[in-house]
C-alpha cells in the first residue's frame, strides 16, 4: 500500500500493460508508415492534391471526431469489451485499405479505420487508470504507454520502408492484422473489465453535434487552403463553428454530458491540453513534410528514409521514459514548458534546410523537437487522467487523445495545406506537377535527364520553402506555449515534498463521484 490509501498494482497488471501497448503501438505505426507510402500510392492511384490530404488526415480526423463518444461509451458498456470490438473492426478495415483500387476507396477505408481506432486509445487509458491506482505507478505506466505510442514512430519507418522496398504500398496496412489478432487473444486473459457504476444515457444529439463541429471545420480549412476563399469553404467553417458552440452549450447544461467541460476549470488540466494540442499540430504537419523531403528531395529510398527517422524516434522514447523521474527532480511545469522550448530549437534548425540533400540537418532538427515534446506528452496525459473520477477515466482519456489526434490531423491539414499553397505559388509548373511534389517526381521520371532536372529544380525549391515556413510556424507556437506552460503550470503544480494538493476544489467533480488521487509535482 502507498500511504495506506492506494494499493500497488500486482505483476499481472504490468503484463496487462504490455497488452494495452499493442493498439497504442499500432496506431502510431500506421500513421508513420503511411507517410512513407504516400509517394508510392500517389503513383499508383493518382490522387489529386485534395485527395492526398484526405488520405493522410481523414484517419486522424475520424479518430478525433469519435474519441469523446467512444471514451464515454467504454465507461458505460465496458472498456475491455469496446477495446476488443474496435480491434476486430480495425483489423478488417486494414485489409480493405491494403487492397483499395482507387483514391476514393482508400479514403473510405481509412475513415473506417479511424472510427475503429477511436475505440482503442480511451479504452487503454481508462484501463490503465483502473489497473494502477497508485499515482506513482500510474505515472510510470502512462510513460510506458506514451513511449509505446512513440515506438510505433520508430518501428514504422523501418518496417514500412522494408515492405515498400520489396512489396506494394498496400502491404503497410497489413501490419495491423497480426497485432490485432494478438490483442484479441490476450485481452480476455490479462485485462480486467471495468464499466462505470453510474451509467448515464449516451446522448446521440451530442455525438452528432461533435461530428458536425469537427468535420465541417476540417473541410472548410482544407478547401480554403487549396482553392482560396469561397462560398463553400466559408460556409463549412461557419457551420462547424456554430455546431461547436451549440455542442459546448449543450454539454454545460446536461446532467450527464458526453464531454464533461467542468474538468476544464482546473488550470493544470486546461494548460496541459492546450500544450499537447499545440505540440501535436506542429509535429503532425512537419513530420509529413519531412518524410516527403527525405524521399523526394534528398533522394533516399523508403528504407533509407525510414532508417534516418529512427534516431529521433528512439530519442523521444528515451526522453518520455525519463519524464516521471525528471519531473520528480525539477517539477512538471519545467519539464513540459522547457521541453517545448527545446522543440522550438529543433524547428529553428529545420528553417535552414536546403533544397538539396539536407538530411543531417533535418534529422538533427527532428531529434531536438522529438526530445522536447515526448516528456510533456506523458506528463500532460497523466495530469488529465489523474484529474478525473475513476468512473470517468475513459472519457478523460478521450479528452487527452482528442487533443493529440485532432492536433496531429489539424497539423497535417493546416501546415500541409500551407506548404501546398507555397508549392503551387513557387513551383510555377504546368498540370499536376505544379500542384504536388509527388506528381512532379512522377512526371520527371518519364522525361530525359536534362528535362527532368529542369522540372525538379523549381519543384524541390518550392517544396522546401513550404517546409521552412511550416517549421517557422512551429518555432513561434512552441515558444508561445512553452512560456505559457512555465508561467501557468508552475504555481498550480507546486507542492511541498509529500503533499498532494488537489487540482481544484471538489465542486469541479460531478456529484457523487469518487476522485482519483490529485496531481502533485511529485513524478
Protein backbone atom coordinates (compact mmCIF):
# COMPACT_ATOMS: atom_id res chain seq x y z
CA UNK A 1 0.00 0.00 0.00
CA UNK A 2 1.10 3.55 -0.68
CA UNK A 3 0.20 5.83 2.20
CA UNK A 4 -2.47 3.24 3.25
CA UNK A 5 -4.80 4.58 0.55
CA UNK A 6 -3.60 3.37 -2.84
CA UNK A 7 -3.00 -0.35 -3.45
CA UNK A 8 0.00 -1.14 -5.60
CA UNK A 9 -0.60 -2.99 -8.84
CA UNK A 10 0.32 -6.70 -9.00
CA UNK A 11 2.59 -8.23 -11.63
CA UNK A 12 -0.44 -9.26 -13.68
CA UNK A 13 -1.25 -5.56 -14.21
CA UNK A 14 2.16 -4.96 -15.79
CA UNK A 15 1.59 -7.88 -18.16
CA UNK A 16 -1.76 -6.30 -18.98
CA UNK A 17 0.03 -3.03 -19.69
CA UNK A 18 2.01 -4.90 -22.34
CA UNK A 19 -1.28 -5.91 -23.97
CA UNK A 20 -2.51 -2.32 -23.87
CA UNK A 21 0.70 -1.26 -25.60
CA UNK A 22 -0.25 -3.24 -28.71
CA UNK A 23 -3.03 -0.96 -30.08
CA UNK A 24 -1.08 2.09 -28.93
CA UNK A 25 1.95 0.94 -30.91
CA UNK A 26 -0.17 0.11 -33.94
CA UNK A 27 -1.99 3.43 -34.22
CA UNK A 28 1.23 5.45 -34.42
CA UNK A 29 2.91 2.83 -36.60
CA UNK A 30 0.01 3.01 -39.04
CA UNK A 31 0.45 6.78 -39.41
CA UNK A 32 4.23 6.73 -39.81
CA UNK A 33 4.28 4.00 -42.47
CA UNK A 34 1.63 5.85 -44.47
CA UNK A 35 3.88 8.91 -44.62
CA UNK A 36 6.48 6.74 -46.37
CA UNK A 37 3.93 5.03 -48.59
CA UNK A 38 2.43 8.29 -49.83
CA UNK A 39 4.70 8.69 -52.91
CA UNK A 40 4.05 5.07 -53.92
CA UNK A 41 0.28 5.11 -53.59
CA UNK A 42 0.25 8.52 -55.30
CA UNK A 43 2.00 6.99 -58.32
CA UNK A 44 -0.45 4.05 -58.37
CA UNK A 45 -3.80 5.65 -57.50
CA UNK A 46 -3.00 9.12 -58.93
CA UNK A 47 -4.98 11.10 -56.34
CA UNK A 48 -5.50 14.83 -56.65
CA UNK A 49 -3.81 17.16 -54.17
CA UNK A 50 -7.00 17.33 -52.12
CA UNK A 51 -7.41 13.54 -52.14
CA UNK A 52 -3.82 13.11 -50.99
CA UNK A 53 -4.51 15.25 -47.94
CA UNK A 54 -7.75 13.35 -47.25
CA UNK A 55 -5.89 10.03 -47.46
CA UNK A 56 -3.43 11.33 -44.90
CA UNK A 57 -5.73 13.02 -42.42
CA UNK A 58 -9.24 11.51 -42.67
CA UNK A 59 -7.98 8.73 -40.36
CA UNK A 60 -6.88 11.19 -37.71
CA UNK A 61 -9.96 13.36 -38.01
CA UNK A 62 -12.33 10.40 -37.66
CA UNK A 63 -10.40 9.30 -34.58
CA UNK A 64 -10.67 12.83 -33.18
CA UNK A 65 -14.36 13.06 -34.06
CA UNK A 66 -15.30 9.80 -32.33
CA UNK A 67 -12.86 9.73 -29.39
CA UNK A 68 -15.17 11.54 -26.98
CA UNK A 69 -18.08 9.30 -27.90
CA UNK A 70 -16.04 6.10 -27.62
CA UNK A 71 -14.44 7.14 -24.32
CA UNK A 72 -17.85 7.67 -22.77
CA UNK A 73 -19.24 4.52 -24.40
CA UNK A 74 -16.39 2.43 -22.97
CA UNK A 75 -17.07 3.76 -19.46
CA UNK A 76 -20.68 2.60 -19.83
CA UNK A 77 -20.54 -0.75 -21.69
CA UNK A 78 -17.11 -1.90 -20.56
CA UNK A 79 -13.65 -0.74 -21.61
CA UNK A 80 -12.28 -4.18 -22.43
CA UNK A 81 -15.36 -5.06 -24.48
CA UNK A 82 -15.07 -1.87 -26.54
CA UNK A 83 -11.32 -2.38 -26.95
CA UNK A 84 -11.79 -5.85 -28.41
CA UNK A 85 -14.64 -4.80 -30.71
CA UNK A 86 -12.57 -1.92 -32.04
CA UNK A 87 -9.55 -4.17 -32.57
CA UNK A 88 -11.59 -6.59 -34.69
CA UNK A 89 -13.02 -3.83 -36.90
CA UNK A 90 -9.62 -2.16 -37.23
CA UNK A 91 -8.05 -5.39 -38.48
CA UNK A 92 -10.74 -5.95 -41.10
CA UNK A 93 -10.58 -2.34 -42.28
CA UNK A 94 -6.79 -2.62 -42.59
CA UNK A 95 -7.18 -5.50 -45.02
CA UNK A 96 -9.70 -3.50 -47.05
CA UNK A 97 -7.34 -0.49 -47.15
CA UNK A 98 -4.44 -2.67 -48.35
CA UNK A 99 -6.36 -3.73 -51.45
CA UNK A 100 -8.02 -0.40 -52.30
CA UNK A 101 -8.16 0.16 -56.06
CA UNK A 102 -8.91 3.89 -56.07
CA UNK A 103 -8.24 7.00 -54.03
CA UNK A 104 -11.91 7.18 -53.05
CA UNK A 105 -11.87 3.58 -51.77
CA UNK A 106 -8.73 4.22 -49.74
CA UNK A 107 -10.22 7.36 -48.19
CA UNK A 108 -13.34 5.39 -47.20
CA UNK A 109 -11.39 2.52 -45.62
CA UNK A 110 -9.10 4.95 -43.82
CA UNK A 111 -12.21 6.64 -42.40
CA UNK A 112 -13.46 3.28 -41.10
CA UNK A 113 -10.04 2.61 -39.57
CA UNK A 114 -10.32 5.96 -37.83
CA UNK A 115 -13.71 5.13 -36.30
CA UNK A 116 -12.35 1.79 -35.08
CA UNK A 117 -9.15 3.43 -33.85
CA UNK A 118 -11.20 5.83 -31.73
CA UNK A 119 -12.28 2.89 -29.57
CA UNK A 120 -8.72 1.87 -28.75
CA UNK A 121 -6.98 4.86 -27.15
CA UNK A 122 -9.53 5.92 -24.47
CA UNK A 123 -10.13 2.26 -23.60
CA UNK A 124 -6.43 1.69 -22.95
CA UNK A 125 -6.07 4.84 -20.83
CA UNK A 126 -9.24 4.04 -18.90
CA UNK A 127 -7.98 0.54 -18.13
CA UNK A 128 -4.61 1.92 -17.02
CA UNK A 129 -6.44 4.16 -14.55
CA UNK A 130 -8.30 1.10 -13.23
CA UNK A 131 -5.25 -1.16 -13.05
CA UNK A 132 -2.85 1.36 -11.48
CA UNK A 133 -4.45 3.17 -8.53
CA UNK A 134 -1.10 4.19 -7.05
CA UNK A 135 -0.22 7.62 -8.53
CA UNK A 136 3.49 6.86 -8.88
CA UNK A 137 2.82 3.57 -10.64
CA UNK A 138 0.20 5.23 -12.82
CA UNK A 139 2.69 7.91 -13.88
CA UNK A 140 5.21 5.21 -14.84
CA UNK A 141 2.54 3.19 -16.66
CA UNK A 142 1.41 6.21 -18.67
CA UNK A 143 5.04 7.00 -19.53
CA UNK A 144 5.42 3.44 -20.83
CA UNK A 145 2.11 3.75 -22.71
CA UNK A 146 3.23 7.03 -24.29
CA UNK A 147 6.62 5.54 -25.15
CA UNK A 148 4.89 2.71 -26.99
CA UNK A 149 2.98 5.28 -28.99
CA UNK A 150 6.34 6.85 -29.85
CA UNK A 151 7.73 3.37 -30.52
CA UNK A 152 5.37 2.97 -33.43
CA UNK A 153 7.02 6.01 -34.94
CA UNK A 154 10.43 4.34 -34.56
CA UNK A 155 9.40 0.92 -35.85
CA UNK A 156 7.10 2.19 -38.59
CA UNK A 157 9.69 3.77 -40.89
CA UNK A 158 12.00 0.74 -40.72
CA UNK A 159 9.35 -1.93 -41.17
CA UNK A 160 7.38 0.18 -43.63
CA UNK A 161 10.50 1.07 -45.58
CA UNK A 162 11.47 -2.60 -45.85
CA UNK A 163 7.97 -3.54 -47.03
CA UNK A 164 7.93 -0.73 -49.60
CA UNK A 165 11.34 -1.87 -50.83
CA UNK A 166 10.02 -5.32 -51.71
CA UNK A 167 6.20 -5.15 -51.84
CA UNK A 168 3.41 -2.85 -52.97
CA UNK A 169 2.20 0.10 -50.90
CA UNK A 170 -0.83 -1.78 -49.56
CA UNK A 171 1.40 -4.13 -47.58
CA UNK A 172 1.96 -1.42 -44.95
CA UNK A 173 -1.68 -1.68 -43.87
CA UNK A 174 -1.42 -5.43 -43.29
CA UNK A 175 0.93 -4.78 -40.35
CA UNK A 176 -2.12 -4.16 -38.19
CA UNK A 177 -3.68 -7.57 -38.71
CA UNK A 178 -1.34 -9.78 -36.59
CA UNK A 179 -1.18 -7.08 -33.89
CA UNK A 180 -4.95 -7.02 -33.53
CA UNK A 181 -5.20 -10.84 -33.56
CA UNK A 182 -2.67 -10.99 -30.69
CA UNK A 183 -4.65 -8.38 -28.75
CA UNK A 184 -7.90 -10.30 -29.19
CA UNK A 185 -6.26 -13.46 -27.84
CA UNK A 186 -4.51 -11.88 -24.84
CA UNK A 187 -7.03 -9.27 -23.68
CA UNK A 188 -9.51 -11.68 -22.01
CA UNK A 189 -6.65 -13.35 -20.13
CA UNK A 190 -4.84 -10.30 -18.76
CA UNK A 191 -7.16 -7.28 -18.76
CA UNK A 192 -9.92 -6.60 -16.23
CA UNK A 193 -13.35 -5.48 -17.36
CA UNK A 194 -14.49 -2.15 -15.98
CA UNK A 195 -17.58 -0.08 -16.51
CA UNK A 196 -18.98 2.93 -14.71
CA UNK A 197 -21.26 2.27 -11.74
CA UNK A 198 -23.23 5.36 -12.79
CA UNK A 199 -24.23 4.64 -16.38
CA UNK A 200 -25.96 7.67 -17.78
CA UNK A 201 -27.65 7.75 -21.15
CA UNK A 202 -25.39 8.28 -24.16
CA UNK A 203 -26.72 11.45 -25.77
CA UNK A 204 -26.95 10.92 -29.56
CA UNK A 205 -27.53 14.64 -30.15
CA UNK A 206 -24.16 15.40 -28.55
CA UNK A 207 -22.49 12.75 -30.71
CA UNK A 208 -23.92 14.31 -33.88
CA UNK A 209 -23.00 17.82 -32.74
CA UNK A 210 -19.40 16.81 -32.06
CA UNK A 211 -19.08 15.42 -35.59
CA UNK A 212 -20.93 18.42 -37.04
CA UNK A 213 -18.36 20.68 -35.39
CA UNK A 214 -15.13 18.86 -36.29
CA UNK A 215 -15.70 17.61 -39.83
CA UNK A 216 -17.03 20.84 -41.45
CA UNK A 217 -14.22 22.82 -39.82
CA UNK A 218 -11.67 20.47 -41.30
CA UNK A 219 -13.30 20.50 -44.73
CA UNK A 220 -13.53 24.30 -44.68
CA UNK A 221 -9.88 24.73 -43.73
CA UNK A 222 -8.71 22.30 -46.40
CA UNK A 223 -10.88 23.87 -49.11
CA UNK A 224 -9.79 27.35 -48.09
CA UNK A 225 -6.11 26.37 -48.31
CA UNK A 226 -6.49 24.55 -51.62
CA UNK A 227 -8.80 26.90 -53.53
CA UNK A 228 -8.78 30.15 -51.58
CA UNK A 229 -11.80 31.91 -50.02
CA UNK A 230 -15.08 30.81 -51.48
CA UNK A 231 -18.71 30.23 -50.59
CA UNK A 232 -18.24 26.52 -49.87
CA UNK A 233 -15.21 26.89 -47.60
CA UNK A 234 -16.63 29.83 -45.63
CA UNK A 235 -20.00 28.09 -45.23
CA UNK A 236 -18.29 24.94 -43.91
CA UNK A 237 -16.28 26.97 -41.41
CA UNK A 238 -19.38 28.81 -40.23
CA UNK A 239 -21.30 25.54 -39.86
CA UNK A 240 -18.51 23.94 -37.85
CA UNK A 241 -18.15 26.91 -35.51
CA UNK A 242 -21.91 27.12 -34.99
CA UNK A 243 -22.18 23.39 -34.25
CA UNK A 244 -19.25 23.67 -31.86
CA UNK A 245 -20.91 26.50 -29.96
CA UNK A 246 -24.15 24.51 -29.66
CA UNK A 247 -22.19 21.43 -28.56
CA UNK A 248 -20.41 23.34 -25.78
CA UNK A 249 -23.66 24.91 -24.60
CA UNK A 250 -25.40 21.53 -24.52
CA UNK A 251 -22.58 19.88 -22.54
CA UNK A 252 -22.71 22.59 -19.91
CA UNK A 253 -26.46 22.04 -19.46
CA UNK A 254 -26.62 18.23 -19.42
CA UNK A 255 -26.54 16.41 -16.09
CA UNK A 256 -24.55 13.61 -17.72
CA UNK A 257 -22.65 15.24 -20.61
CA UNK A 258 -20.78 13.47 -23.37
CA UNK A 259 -17.78 15.71 -22.62
CA UNK A 260 -17.50 16.97 -19.03
CA UNK A 261 -16.28 20.52 -19.68
CA UNK A 262 -16.31 21.21 -15.94
CA UNK A 263 -12.94 19.47 -15.80
CA UNK A 264 -11.51 22.40 -17.76
CA UNK A 265 -11.99 24.61 -14.69
CA UNK A 266 -8.79 23.01 -13.42
CA UNK A 267 -5.90 25.13 -14.65
CA UNK A 268 -3.27 22.36 -14.94
CA UNK A 269 -5.61 20.21 -17.00
CA UNK A 270 -6.59 23.05 -19.34
CA UNK A 271 -2.99 24.22 -19.84
CA UNK A 272 -1.77 20.64 -20.37
CA UNK A 273 -4.41 20.06 -23.05
CA UNK A 274 -3.50 23.33 -24.80
CA UNK A 275 0.21 22.49 -24.77
CA UNK A 276 -0.39 18.95 -26.04
CA UNK A 277 -2.58 20.22 -28.87
CA UNK A 278 -0.03 22.83 -29.96
CA UNK A 279 2.77 20.26 -29.97
CA UNK A 280 0.68 17.77 -31.94
CA UNK A 281 -0.23 20.40 -34.57
CA UNK A 282 3.40 21.35 -35.08
CA UNK A 283 4.73 17.79 -35.18
CA UNK A 284 1.89 16.34 -37.25
CA UNK A 285 2.31 18.75 -40.15
CA UNK A 286 6.09 18.93 -40.04
CA UNK A 287 6.62 15.16 -39.86
CA UNK A 288 4.55 14.69 -43.02
CA UNK A 289 6.71 17.20 -44.88
CA UNK A 290 9.97 15.72 -43.54
CA UNK A 291 9.05 12.21 -44.71
CA UNK A 292 8.41 13.51 -48.22
CA UNK A 293 11.56 15.65 -48.14
CA UNK A 294 13.83 12.70 -47.33
CA UNK A 295 12.47 10.69 -50.25
CA UNK A 296 11.55 13.23 -52.91
CA UNK A 297 14.11 16.00 -52.32
CA UNK A 298 17.06 14.25 -50.65
CA UNK A 299 16.53 11.23 -52.90
CA UNK A 300 16.58 8.43 -50.32
CA UNK A 301 14.79 5.12 -50.82
CA UNK A 302 11.84 4.40 -48.48
CA UNK A 303 14.00 2.09 -46.35
CA UNK A 304 16.86 4.58 -46.00
CA UNK A 305 14.42 7.41 -45.31
CA UNK A 306 12.86 5.26 -42.60
CA UNK A 307 16.22 4.46 -41.04
CA UNK A 308 17.10 8.16 -40.86
CA UNK A 309 13.95 8.74 -38.81
CA UNK A 310 14.78 6.06 -36.24
CA UNK A 311 17.27 8.08 -34.10
CA UNK A 312 14.77 10.91 -33.39
CA UNK A 313 12.07 8.38 -32.54
CA UNK A 314 14.35 6.42 -30.19
CA UNK A 315 15.46 9.67 -28.54
CA UNK A 316 11.80 10.58 -28.00
CA UNK A 317 11.12 7.18 -26.39
CA UNK A 318 14.08 7.59 -24.02
CA UNK A 319 13.03 11.13 -23.11
CA UNK A 320 9.44 10.00 -22.49
CA UNK A 321 10.52 7.18 -20.18
CA UNK A 322 12.58 9.72 -18.25
CA UNK A 323 9.57 12.04 -17.80
CA UNK A 324 8.40 10.79 -14.39
CA UNK A 325 11.80 10.77 -12.62
CA UNK A 326 12.77 14.06 -14.26
CA UNK A 327 9.53 15.70 -13.11
CA UNK A 328 10.19 14.49 -9.57
CA UNK A 329 13.51 16.38 -9.59
CA UNK A 330 12.68 19.64 -11.35
CA UNK A 331 8.88 19.75 -11.48
CA UNK A 332 6.32 19.01 -14.16
CA UNK A 333 5.96 22.61 -15.26
CA UNK A 334 9.67 22.86 -16.03
CA UNK A 335 9.68 19.57 -17.93
CA UNK A 336 6.63 20.45 -20.05
CA UNK A 337 7.45 24.12 -20.70
CA UNK A 338 11.19 23.66 -21.02
CA UNK A 339 10.67 20.75 -23.38
CA UNK A 340 8.61 22.92 -25.71
CA UNK A 341 11.43 25.45 -25.85
CA UNK A 342 13.81 22.62 -26.82
CA UNK A 343 11.33 21.68 -29.54
CA UNK A 344 11.37 25.29 -30.79
CA UNK A 345 15.15 24.99 -31.20
CA UNK A 346 14.64 21.86 -33.29
CA UNK A 347 12.16 23.62 -35.56
CA UNK A 348 14.62 26.51 -35.90
CA UNK A 349 17.14 24.09 -37.42
CA UNK A 350 14.50 22.98 -39.94
CA UNK A 351 14.10 26.59 -41.06
CA UNK A 352 17.61 26.35 -42.57
CA UNK A 353 17.10 23.14 -44.58
CA UNK A 354 18.48 23.43 -48.15
CA UNK A 355 16.60 22.44 -51.31
CA UNK A 356 19.06 19.60 -51.86
CA UNK A 357 20.33 16.86 -49.56
CA UNK A 358 19.94 18.37 -46.10
CA UNK A 359 19.44 15.01 -44.40
CA UNK A 360 21.74 15.60 -41.41
CA UNK A 361 20.18 18.97 -40.62
CA UNK A 362 16.66 17.55 -40.94
CA UNK A 363 17.43 14.64 -38.63
CA UNK A 364 19.11 16.92 -36.08
CA UNK A 365 16.12 19.26 -36.02
CA UNK A 366 13.65 16.39 -35.77
CA UNK A 367 15.68 14.83 -32.92
CA UNK A 368 15.62 18.02 -30.85
CA UNK A 369 11.91 18.51 -31.49
CA UNK A 370 11.14 14.91 -30.50
CA UNK A 371 13.17 15.01 -27.29
CA UNK A 372 11.40 18.21 -26.26
CA UNK A 373 7.83 17.02 -26.79
CA UNK A 374 7.99 13.40 -25.56
CA UNK A 375 8.08 14.00 -21.78
CA UNK A 376 5.41 16.69 -21.96
CA UNK A 377 3.03 14.30 -23.74
CA UNK A 378 3.40 11.70 -20.98
CA UNK A 379 3.09 14.17 -18.12
CA UNK A 380 0.18 16.00 -19.75
CA UNK A 381 -1.72 12.74 -20.21
CA UNK A 382 -1.13 11.81 -16.57
CA UNK A 383 -2.46 15.21 -15.45
CA UNK A 384 -5.65 14.70 -17.47
CA UNK A 385 -6.29 11.09 -16.47
CA UNK A 386 -5.39 11.72 -12.82
CA UNK A 387 -7.83 14.60 -12.55
CA UNK A 388 -10.95 12.64 -13.42
CA UNK A 389 -13.21 10.45 -11.26
CA UNK A 390 -12.33 6.78 -11.70
CA UNK A 391 -15.62 6.03 -13.44
CA UNK A 392 -14.92 8.80 -15.98
CA UNK A 393 -11.32 7.80 -16.72
CA UNK A 394 -12.17 6.65 -20.23
CA UNK A 395 -13.87 9.94 -21.02
CA UNK A 396 -10.93 11.87 -19.56
CA UNK A 397 -8.51 9.78 -21.60
CA UNK A 398 -10.55 10.52 -24.70
CA UNK A 399 -10.27 14.24 -23.96
CA UNK A 400 -6.47 13.92 -23.89
CA UNK A 401 -6.37 11.80 -27.02
CA UNK A 402 -8.82 14.06 -28.84
CA UNK A 403 -6.40 16.95 -28.39
CA UNK A 404 -3.49 14.79 -29.58
CA UNK A 405 -5.17 13.15 -32.55
CA UNK A 406 -7.05 16.28 -33.59
CA UNK A 407 -3.83 18.24 -33.24
CA UNK A 408 -1.89 15.83 -35.46
CA UNK A 409 -4.62 15.77 -38.09
CA UNK A 410 -5.07 19.53 -37.89
CA UNK A 411 -1.32 19.94 -38.33
CA UNK A 412 -1.44 17.79 -41.45
CA UNK A 413 -4.36 19.83 -42.79
CA UNK A 414 -3.15 23.30 -41.85
CA UNK A 415 0.62 23.01 -42.30
CA UNK A 416 0.23 20.55 -45.17
CA UNK A 417 -2.18 22.88 -46.91
CA UNK A 418 0.06 25.88 -46.17
CA UNK A 419 3.05 24.06 -47.65
CA UNK A 420 0.93 23.05 -50.66
CA UNK A 421 -0.06 26.67 -51.23
CA UNK A 422 3.60 27.72 -51.06
CA UNK A 423 4.50 24.95 -53.50
CA UNK A 424 1.84 25.94 -56.02
CA UNK A 425 2.87 29.57 -55.85
CA UNK A 426 6.59 28.88 -56.14
CA UNK A 427 6.88 25.90 -58.48
CA UNK A 428 5.11 27.54 -61.44
CA UNK A 429 4.84 24.23 -63.33
CA UNK A 430 2.08 23.04 -65.68
CA UNK A 431 -0.56 20.45 -64.82
CA UNK A 432 -0.47 18.27 -61.74
CA UNK A 433 3.31 18.78 -61.45
CA UNK A 434 2.54 22.34 -60.36
CA UNK A 435 0.19 21.15 -57.60
CA UNK A 436 2.17 18.47 -55.71
CA UNK A 437 5.79 17.36 -55.48
CA UNK A 438 4.96 13.62 -55.88
CA UNK A 439 3.22 14.47 -59.17
CA UNK A 440 6.29 16.43 -60.31
CA UNK A 441 8.56 13.48 -59.46
CA UNK A 442 6.27 11.11 -61.33
CA UNK A 443 6.26 13.41 -64.38
CA UNK A 444 10.05 13.80 -64.26
CA UNK A 445 10.53 10.03 -64.33
CA UNK A 446 9.10 9.98 -67.85
CA UNK A 447 11.42 12.70 -69.19
CA UNK A 448 15.05 12.72 -70.39
CA UNK A 449 17.63 13.52 -67.69
CA UNK A 450 18.12 17.18 -68.62
CA UNK A 451 14.40 17.92 -68.86
CA UNK A 452 13.75 16.03 -65.62
CA UNK A 453 16.37 18.11 -63.77
CA UNK A 454 14.86 21.33 -65.14
CA UNK A 455 11.43 20.23 -63.91
CA UNK A 456 12.57 19.10 -60.47
CA UNK A 457 14.76 22.09 -59.56
CA UNK A 458 11.90 24.59 -59.04
CA UNK A 459 9.73 21.81 -57.56
CA UNK A 460 12.35 20.97 -54.92
CA UNK A 461 12.89 24.64 -54.07
CA UNK A 462 9.17 25.35 -53.74
CA UNK A 463 8.58 22.29 -51.57
CA UNK A 464 11.49 23.17 -49.29
CA UNK A 465 10.15 26.71 -48.96
CA UNK A 466 6.91 25.19 -47.69
CA UNK A 467 8.79 23.03 -45.19
CA UNK A 468 10.74 26.05 -43.91
CA UNK A 469 7.56 28.08 -43.45
CA UNK A 470 5.85 25.23 -41.58
CA UNK A 471 8.91 24.95 -39.32
CA UNK A 472 8.83 28.71 -38.66
CA UNK A 473 5.20 28.41 -37.56
CA UNK A 474 6.33 25.63 -35.23
CA UNK A 475 9.03 27.82 -33.69
CA UNK A 476 6.53 30.57 -32.86
CA UNK A 477 3.94 28.14 -31.47
CA UNK A 478 6.42 26.24 -29.28
CA UNK A 479 7.90 29.41 -27.77
CA UNK A 480 4.46 30.82 -27.03
CA UNK A 481 3.00 27.66 -25.47
CA UNK A 482 6.25 26.76 -23.71
CA UNK A 483 6.23 30.12 -21.96
CA UNK A 484 2.52 29.67 -21.17
CA UNK A 485 3.19 26.29 -19.55
CA UNK A 486 6.11 27.63 -17.49
CA UNK A 487 4.10 30.60 -16.20
CA UNK A 488 0.74 28.93 -15.55
CA UNK A 489 1.66 25.37 -14.56
CA UNK A 490 4.44 26.10 -12.06
CA UNK A 491 2.26 27.65 -9.30
CA UNK A 492 -0.58 25.19 -9.92
CA UNK A 493 1.64 22.09 -9.67
CA UNK A 494 3.98 23.22 -6.92
CA UNK A 495 3.80 21.20 -3.71
CA UNK A 496 5.97 20.63 -0.71
CA UNK A 497 7.57 17.18 -0.54
CA UNK A 498 4.94 14.61 0.29
CA UNK A 499 1.98 16.92 -0.29
CA UNK A 500 -0.69 16.05 -2.84
CA UNK A 501 -2.79 19.20 -3.31
CA UNK A 502 -5.98 18.90 -5.39
CA UNK A 503 -6.11 20.41 -8.82
CA UNK A 504 -9.18 22.34 -7.78
CA UNK A 505 -11.91 22.13 -5.20
CA UNK A 506 -14.21 19.13 -5.12
CA UNK A 507 -17.02 21.12 -6.69
CA UNK A 508 -15.37 20.64 -10.04
CA UNK A 509 -16.21 16.94 -9.93
CA UNK A 510 -19.68 15.60 -10.70
CA UNK A 511 -21.86 14.98 -7.70
CA UNK A 512 -21.44 11.58 -6.15
CA UNK A 513 -18.23 10.78 -7.99
CA UNK A 514 -15.09 9.36 -6.48
CA UNK A 515 -11.93 11.23 -7.41
CA UNK A 516 -8.60 9.65 -8.10
CA UNK A 517 -5.50 10.98 -6.38
CA UNK A 518 -4.96 14.65 -7.28
CA UNK A 519 -1.96 15.62 -9.32
CA UNK A 520 1.04 16.91 -7.46
CA UNK A 521 4.50 17.91 -8.53
CA UNK A 522 5.94 14.58 -7.42
CA UNK A 523 6.80 12.47 -10.51
